[in-house]
């Protein structure tokens, strides 16, 4: 009997784009949104959209997406027939692991949260974490495998 597990599927070109975003914003955190669809336990990314990091107090280790920009992205996703399946950000000179702040500020249960460690301006490890739970009181991140498809692969 096959066992299904949570997974993020992304084309190499989209993964490269979000990693490059982290390099371009170094030494500050980048952030963005992943659009796609959910198929069973799998989130399939079809587009990666950059967002501005509006955090002014500590952009080197925190990020914030302006709610107006998020509404615009939600509208665009609906127009394209896609859903928000996840978010991404970078950790300049820190590991690609979630922090307590990342967990506290994550609210989209069932979405993937992708973190790229950017070491001295170069993207290093990229990891994904699924936000599980039923609400704020029991939400948690779990490690999620990333399946990378060839850049030109169709879903």
C-alpha atoms as a PDB file:
ATOM      1  CA  UNK A   1       0.000   0.000   0.000  1.00  0.00           C
ATOM      2  CA  UNK A   2       1.457   3.370  -1.022  1.00  0.00           C
ATOM      3  CA  UNK A   3       1.935   5.954   1.678  1.00  0.00           C
ATOM      4  CA  UNK A   4       1.268   9.575   0.833  1.00  0.00           C
ATOM      5  CA  UNK A   5       3.117  12.336   2.563  1.00  0.00           C
ATOM      6  CA  UNK A   6       3.068  16.090   2.491  1.00  0.00           C
ATOM      7  CA  UNK A   7       5.299  17.468  -0.219  1.00  0.00           C
ATOM      8  CA  UNK A   8       6.080  20.674  -2.048  1.00  0.00           C
ATOM      9  CA  UNK A   9       6.592  20.291  -5.800  1.00  0.00           C
ATOM     10  CA  UNK A  10       8.327  23.114  -7.645  1.00  0.00           C
ATOM     11  CA  UNK A  11      10.054  23.572 -11.004  1.00  0.00           C
ATOM     12  CA  UNK A  12      13.804  24.187 -10.907  1.00  0.00           C
ATOM     13  CA  UNK A  13      13.253  27.580 -12.573  1.00  0.00           C
ATOM     14  CA  UNK A  14      10.870  28.717  -9.814  1.00  0.00           C
ATOM     15  CA  UNK A  15      13.178  27.420  -7.080  1.00  0.00           C
ATOM     16  CA  UNK A  16      16.081  29.241  -8.712  1.00  0.00           C
ATOM     17  CA  UNK A  17      14.017  32.447  -8.824  1.00  0.00           C
ATOM     18  CA  UNK A  18      13.217  32.442  -5.105  1.00  0.00           C
ATOM     19  CA  UNK A  19      16.827  31.583  -4.214  1.00  0.00           C
ATOM     20  CA  UNK A  20      18.089  34.394  -6.475  1.00  0.00           C
ATOM     21  CA  UNK A  21      15.680  36.780  -4.723  1.00  0.00           C
ATOM     22  CA  UNK A  22      17.429  35.999  -1.426  1.00  0.00           C
ATOM     23  CA  UNK A  23      20.825  36.724  -2.966  1.00  0.00           C
ATOM     24  CA  UNK A  24      19.633  40.040  -4.441  1.00  0.00           C
ATOM     25  CA  UNK A  25      18.230  41.346  -1.138  1.00  0.00           C
ATOM     26  CA  UNK A  26      21.175  40.185   1.005  1.00  0.00           C
ATOM     27  CA  UNK A  27      21.972  41.191   3.790  1.00  0.00           C
ATOM     28  CA  UNK A  28      18.224  41.682   4.272  1.00  0.00           C
ATOM     29  CA  UNK A  29      15.507  39.042   4.219  1.00  0.00           C
ATOM     30  CA  UNK A  30      13.530  38.632   1.030  1.00  0.00           C
ATOM     31  CA  UNK A  31       9.952  37.394   0.995  1.00  0.00           C
ATOM     32  CA  UNK A  32       7.369  36.257  -1.463  1.00  0.00           C
ATOM     33  CA  UNK A  33       4.360  34.102  -2.209  1.00  0.00           C
ATOM     34  CA  UNK A  34       4.012  30.808  -4.060  1.00  0.00           C
ATOM     35  CA  UNK A  35       0.914  30.283  -6.185  1.00  0.00           C
ATOM     36  CA  UNK A  36      -0.312  26.922  -7.371  1.00  0.00           C
ATOM     37  CA  UNK A  37      -2.726  24.210  -6.419  1.00  0.00           C
ATOM     38  CA  UNK A  38      -3.106  21.533  -3.798  1.00  0.00           C
ATOM     39  CA  UNK A  39      -3.376  17.945  -4.971  1.00  0.00           C
ATOM     40  CA  UNK A  40      -4.047  15.676  -2.010  1.00  0.00           C
ATOM     41  CA  UNK A  41      -1.127  16.164   0.367  1.00  0.00           C
ATOM     42  CA  UNK A  42       0.990  17.923  -2.256  1.00  0.00           C
ATOM     43  CA  UNK A  43       1.325  21.645  -2.881  1.00  0.00           C
ATOM     44  CA  UNK A  44       2.293  22.218  -6.533  1.00  0.00           C
ATOM     45  CA  UNK A  45       3.925  25.598  -7.200  1.00  0.00           C
ATOM     46  CA  UNK A  46       3.160  27.163 -10.563  1.00  0.00           C
ATOM     47  CA  UNK A  47       4.379  30.710  -9.910  1.00  0.00           C
ATOM     48  CA  UNK A  48       6.635  32.508  -7.467  1.00  0.00           C
ATOM     49  CA  UNK A  49       5.770  36.158  -6.818  1.00  0.00           C
ATOM     50  CA  UNK A  50       8.172  38.504  -5.098  1.00  0.00           C
ATOM     51  CA  UNK A  51       6.870  40.711  -2.319  1.00  0.00           C
ATOM     52  CA  UNK A  52       8.481  43.705  -0.699  1.00  0.00           C
ATOM     53  CA  UNK A  53       9.837  43.301   2.823  1.00  0.00           C
ATOM     54  CA  UNK A  54       8.203  46.228   4.601  1.00  0.00           C
ATOM     55  CA  UNK A  55       9.977  45.517   7.899  1.00  0.00           C
ATOM     56  CA  UNK A  56      11.984  48.642   8.781  1.00  0.00           C
ATOM     57  CA  UNK A  57      13.088  47.839  12.337  1.00  0.00           C
ATOM     58  CA  UNK A  58      15.096  44.666  11.580  1.00  0.00           C
ATOM     59  CA  UNK A  59      14.921  43.645   7.892  1.00  0.00           C
ATOM     60  CA  UNK A  60      18.121  41.619   8.294  1.00  0.00           C
ATOM     61  CA  UNK A  61      16.294  39.021  10.422  1.00  0.00           C
ATOM     62  CA  UNK A  62      12.557  39.666  10.019  1.00  0.00           C
ATOM     63  CA  UNK A  63      10.148  40.099   7.154  1.00  0.00           C
ATOM     64  CA  UNK A  64       6.657  41.453   6.670  1.00  0.00           C
ATOM     65  CA  UNK A  65       4.447  41.520   3.588  1.00  0.00           C
ATOM     66  CA  UNK A  66       2.197  44.582   3.390  1.00  0.00           C
ATOM     67  CA  UNK A  67      -1.429  43.394   3.717  1.00  0.00           C
ATOM     68  CA  UNK A  68      -2.387  45.480   0.653  1.00  0.00           C
ATOM     69  CA  UNK A  69       0.233  43.649  -1.405  1.00  0.00           C
ATOM     70  CA  UNK A  70      -1.057  40.317  -0.125  1.00  0.00           C
ATOM     71  CA  UNK A  71      -4.612  41.264  -1.162  1.00  0.00           C
ATOM     72  CA  UNK A  72      -3.289  42.173  -4.631  1.00  0.00           C
ATOM     73  CA  UNK A  73      -1.518  38.784  -4.840  1.00  0.00           C
ATOM     74  CA  UNK A  74      -4.689  36.975  -3.708  1.00  0.00           C
ATOM     75  CA  UNK A  75      -6.654  38.784  -6.429  1.00  0.00           C
ATOM     76  CA  UNK A  76      -4.024  37.875  -9.038  1.00  0.00           C
ATOM     77  CA  UNK A  77      -4.056  34.245  -7.932  1.00  0.00           C
ATOM     78  CA  UNK A  78      -7.843  34.053  -8.332  1.00  0.00           C
ATOM     79  CA  UNK A  79      -7.613  35.637 -11.797  1.00  0.00           C
ATOM     80  CA  UNK A  80      -5.080  32.965 -12.768  1.00  0.00           C
ATOM     81  CA  UNK A  81      -7.184  30.159 -11.282  1.00  0.00           C
ATOM     82  CA  UNK A  82      -4.544  29.418  -8.642  1.00  0.00           C
ATOM     83  CA  UNK A  83      -4.339  29.443  -4.856  1.00  0.00           C
ATOM     84  CA  UNK A  84      -1.732  30.672  -2.425  1.00  0.00           C
ATOM     85  CA  UNK A  85       0.074  27.436  -1.538  1.00  0.00           C
ATOM     86  CA  UNK A  86       2.952  28.921   0.407  1.00  0.00           C
ATOM     87  CA  UNK A  87       5.328  31.688   1.309  1.00  0.00           C
ATOM     88  CA  UNK A  88       9.082  32.002   1.144  1.00  0.00           C
ATOM     89  CA  UNK A  89      11.771  34.087   2.774  1.00  0.00           C
ATOM     90  CA  UNK A  90      15.505  34.071   3.296  1.00  0.00           C
ATOM     91  CA  UNK A  91      17.709  33.835   6.369  1.00  0.00           C
ATOM     92  CA  UNK A  92      20.835  35.931   5.735  1.00  0.00           C
ATOM     93  CA  UNK A  93      23.842  34.238   7.371  1.00  0.00           C
ATOM     94  CA  UNK A  94      21.557  31.905   9.345  1.00  0.00           C
ATOM     95  CA  UNK A  95      20.415  28.319   8.767  1.00  0.00           C
ATOM     96  CA  UNK A  96      17.382  27.488   6.623  1.00  0.00           C
ATOM     97  CA  UNK A  97      15.375  26.474   9.710  1.00  0.00           C
ATOM     98  CA  UNK A  98      12.280  28.181  11.088  1.00  0.00           C
ATOM     99  CA  UNK A  99      12.559  30.410  14.129  1.00  0.00           C
ATOM    100  CA  UNK A 100      10.050  30.999  16.902  1.00  0.00           C
ATOM    101  CA  UNK A 101       9.308  34.352  15.241  1.00  0.00           C
ATOM    102  CA  UNK A 102       8.641  32.580  11.928  1.00  0.00           C
ATOM    103  CA  UNK A 103       6.150  30.298  13.678  1.00  0.00           C
ATOM    104  CA  UNK A 104       4.490  33.144  15.599  1.00  0.00           C
ATOM    105  CA  UNK A 105       4.004  35.139  12.387  1.00  0.00           C
ATOM    106  CA  UNK A 106       2.808  32.204  10.238  1.00  0.00           C
ATOM    107  CA  UNK A 107      -0.980  32.045   9.963  1.00  0.00           C
ATOM    108  CA  UNK A 108      -1.804  30.156   6.757  1.00  0.00           C
ATOM    109  CA  UNK A 109      -2.498  26.631   8.014  1.00  0.00           C
ATOM    110  CA  UNK A 110      -1.932  24.077   5.253  1.00  0.00           C
ATOM    111  CA  UNK A 111       0.593  26.256   3.420  1.00  0.00           C
ATOM    112  CA  UNK A 112       4.271  25.597   2.830  1.00  0.00           C
ATOM    113  CA  UNK A 113       6.867  27.970   4.259  1.00  0.00           C
ATOM    114  CA  UNK A 114      10.142  27.846   2.338  1.00  0.00           C
ATOM    115  CA  UNK A 115      13.338  29.233   3.856  1.00  0.00           C
ATOM    116  CA  UNK A 116      16.647  29.693   2.046  1.00  0.00           C
ATOM    117  CA  UNK A 117      19.807  30.257   4.023  1.00  0.00           C
ATOM    118  CA  UNK A 118      21.909  32.905   2.269  1.00  0.00           C
ATOM    119  CA  UNK A 119      25.533  32.727   3.349  1.00  0.00           C
ATOM    120  CA  UNK A 120      27.646  35.781   2.562  1.00  0.00           C
ATOM    121  CA  UNK A 121      25.378  36.679  -0.335  1.00  0.00           C
ATOM    122  CA  UNK A 122      25.067  33.183  -1.855  1.00  0.00           C
ATOM    123  CA  UNK A 123      21.974  30.994  -1.565  1.00  0.00           C
ATOM    124  CA  UNK A 124      22.840  27.796   0.292  1.00  0.00           C
ATOM    125  CA  UNK A 125      20.330  25.300   1.705  1.00  0.00           C
ATOM    126  CA  UNK A 126      16.606  25.651   0.970  1.00  0.00           C
ATOM    127  CA  UNK A 127      14.089  23.851   3.199  1.00  0.00           C
ATOM    128  CA  UNK A 128      10.308  23.698   3.322  1.00  0.00           C
ATOM    129  CA  UNK A 129       8.026  23.442   6.335  1.00  0.00           C
ATOM    130  CA  UNK A 130       4.300  22.763   6.326  1.00  0.00           C
ATOM    131  CA  UNK A 131       2.193  24.740   8.800  1.00  0.00           C
ATOM    132  CA  UNK A 132      -0.156  22.234  10.448  1.00  0.00           C
ATOM    133  CA  UNK A 133      -2.799  22.526  13.134  1.00  0.00           C
ATOM    134  CA  UNK A 134      -6.362  23.676  13.537  1.00  0.00           C
ATOM    135  CA  UNK A 135      -5.655  27.238  14.654  1.00  0.00           C
ATOM    136  CA  UNK A 136      -3.258  29.603  16.379  1.00  0.00           C
ATOM    137  CA  UNK A 137      -3.264  27.617  19.633  1.00  0.00           C
ATOM    138  CA  UNK A 138      -1.911  24.369  18.142  1.00  0.00           C
ATOM    139  CA  UNK A 139      -0.156  25.423  14.937  1.00  0.00           C
ATOM    140  CA  UNK A 140       3.241  23.858  14.279  1.00  0.00           C
ATOM    141  CA  UNK A 141       5.788  23.500  11.499  1.00  0.00           C
ATOM    142  CA  UNK A 142       6.718  20.053  10.196  1.00  0.00           C
ATOM    143  CA  UNK A 143       9.576  19.315   7.816  1.00  0.00           C
ATOM    144  CA  UNK A 144       8.343  18.912   4.271  1.00  0.00           C
ATOM    145  CA  UNK A 145      10.250  17.356   1.382  1.00  0.00           C
ATOM    146  CA  UNK A 146      10.748  19.408  -1.765  1.00  0.00           C
ATOM    147  CA  UNK A 147      10.377  17.661  -5.113  1.00  0.00           C
ATOM    148  CA  UNK A 148      12.143  19.654  -7.813  1.00  0.00           C
ATOM    149  CA  UNK A 149      11.094  19.182 -11.423  1.00  0.00           C
ATOM    150  CA  UNK A 150      13.156  20.061 -14.495  1.00  0.00           C
ATOM    151  CA  UNK A 151      12.788  23.746 -15.386  1.00  0.00           C
ATOM    152  CA  UNK A 152      10.694  23.025 -18.490  1.00  0.00           C
ATOM    153  CA  UNK A 153       8.568  20.269 -16.926  1.00  0.00           C
ATOM    154  CA  UNK A 154       4.820  20.554 -17.234  1.00  0.00           C
ATOM    155  CA  UNK A 155       2.632  19.496 -14.320  1.00  0.00           C
END
